[in-house]
Amino acid sequence: MSPLQYVHHVRLEEAKQLLEGSEDSIEAIAGQMGYEDAGYFARLFKREVNLTPAQYRRRFAGLREVLQQRRTA
């Protein structure tokens, strides 16, 4: 893995957490991760995760909340 690939990997992992746990826009999350171009971020995310950021959010947004509820029950 090249240094640039590693940086993208780390940023995308953090982006996944934000998509799961926040209601920030995809553009805002892209900016927080250091991507000025939200379109580039979305293409990179799709290439690495095989889902668009919006698809990922729809699929996994409630998962963290459900898991936390199960731990406290």
Protein backbone atom coordinates (compact mmCIF):
# COMPACT_ATOMS: atom_id res chain seq x y z
CA MET A 1 0.00 0.00 0.00
CA SER A 2 1.45 3.34 -1.00
CA PRO A 3 1.49 6.25 1.46
CA LEU A 4 -1.29 7.97 -0.51
CA GLN A 5 -3.42 4.82 -0.49
CA TYR A 6 -2.91 4.58 3.27
CA VAL A 7 -4.02 8.19 3.77
CA HIS A 8 -7.14 7.58 1.67
CA HIS A 9 -7.86 4.39 3.60
CA VAL A 10 -7.63 6.13 6.98
CA ARG A 11 -9.76 9.04 5.79
CA LEU A 12 -12.42 6.74 4.37
CA GLU A 13 -12.61 4.73 7.58
CA GLU A 14 -13.22 7.97 9.50
CA ALA A 15 -15.76 9.04 6.88
CA LYS A 16 -17.63 5.77 7.41
CA GLN A 17 -17.93 6.52 11.11
CA LEU A 18 -19.23 10.00 10.37
CA LEU A 19 -21.73 8.67 7.83
CA GLU A 20 -22.96 6.15 10.40
CA GLY A 21 -23.13 8.48 13.37
CA SER A 22 -23.85 11.99 12.16
CA GLU A 23 -26.33 13.79 9.99
CA ASP A 24 -23.68 16.01 8.40
CA SER A 25 -23.99 16.35 4.64
CA ILE A 26 -21.75 14.26 2.44
CA GLU A 27 -20.12 17.48 1.25
CA ALA A 28 -19.39 18.48 4.85
CA ILE A 29 -17.93 15.07 5.64
CA ALA A 30 -15.77 15.21 2.51
CA GLY A 31 -14.45 18.58 3.69
CA GLN A 32 -13.79 17.29 7.21
CA MET A 33 -11.76 14.46 5.72
CA GLY A 34 -9.64 16.87 3.70
CA TYR A 35 -11.31 16.48 0.31
CA GLU A 36 -12.21 19.83 -1.22
CA ASP A 37 -14.06 18.15 -4.09
CA ALA A 38 -17.06 16.17 -2.80
CA GLY A 39 -17.41 14.48 -6.20
CA TYR A 40 -13.86 13.14 -5.98
CA PHE A 41 -14.55 11.96 -2.43
CA ALA A 42 -17.72 10.16 -3.60
CA ARG A 43 -15.89 8.47 -6.49
CA LEU A 44 -13.03 7.37 -4.22
CA PHE A 45 -15.49 6.13 -1.60
CA LYS A 46 -17.44 4.15 -4.24
CA ARG A 47 -14.24 2.62 -5.61
CA GLU A 48 -13.02 1.52 -2.17
CA VAL A 49 -16.29 0.59 -0.43
CA ASN A 50 -18.42 -0.47 -3.43
CA LEU A 51 -21.21 1.81 -2.19
CA THR A 52 -21.75 5.52 -2.64
CA PRO A 53 -21.57 7.55 0.58
CA ALA A 54 -25.37 7.96 0.46
CA GLN A 55 -25.91 4.21 0.01
CA TYR A 56 -23.50 3.49 2.85
CA ARG A 57 -25.35 5.92 5.13
CA ARG A 58 -28.74 4.40 4.30
CA ARG A 59 -27.44 0.90 4.96
CA PHE A 60 -25.44 1.51 8.15
CA ALA A 61 -26.69 4.73 9.79
CA GLY A 62 -28.93 2.98 12.31
CA LEU A 63 -26.58 0.09 12.99
CA ARG A 64 -24.45 1.87 15.58
CA GLU A 65 -27.53 2.98 17.51
CA VAL A 66 -29.01 -0.54 17.51
CA LEU A 67 -25.74 -2.04 18.75
CA GLN A 68 -25.51 0.49 21.58
CA GLN A 69 -29.09 -0.23 22.62
CA ARG A 70 -28.34 -3.95 22.74
CA ARG A 71 -25.29 -3.37 24.94
CA THR A 72 -27.27 -1.34 27.48
CA ALA A 73 -30.27 -3.69 27.52
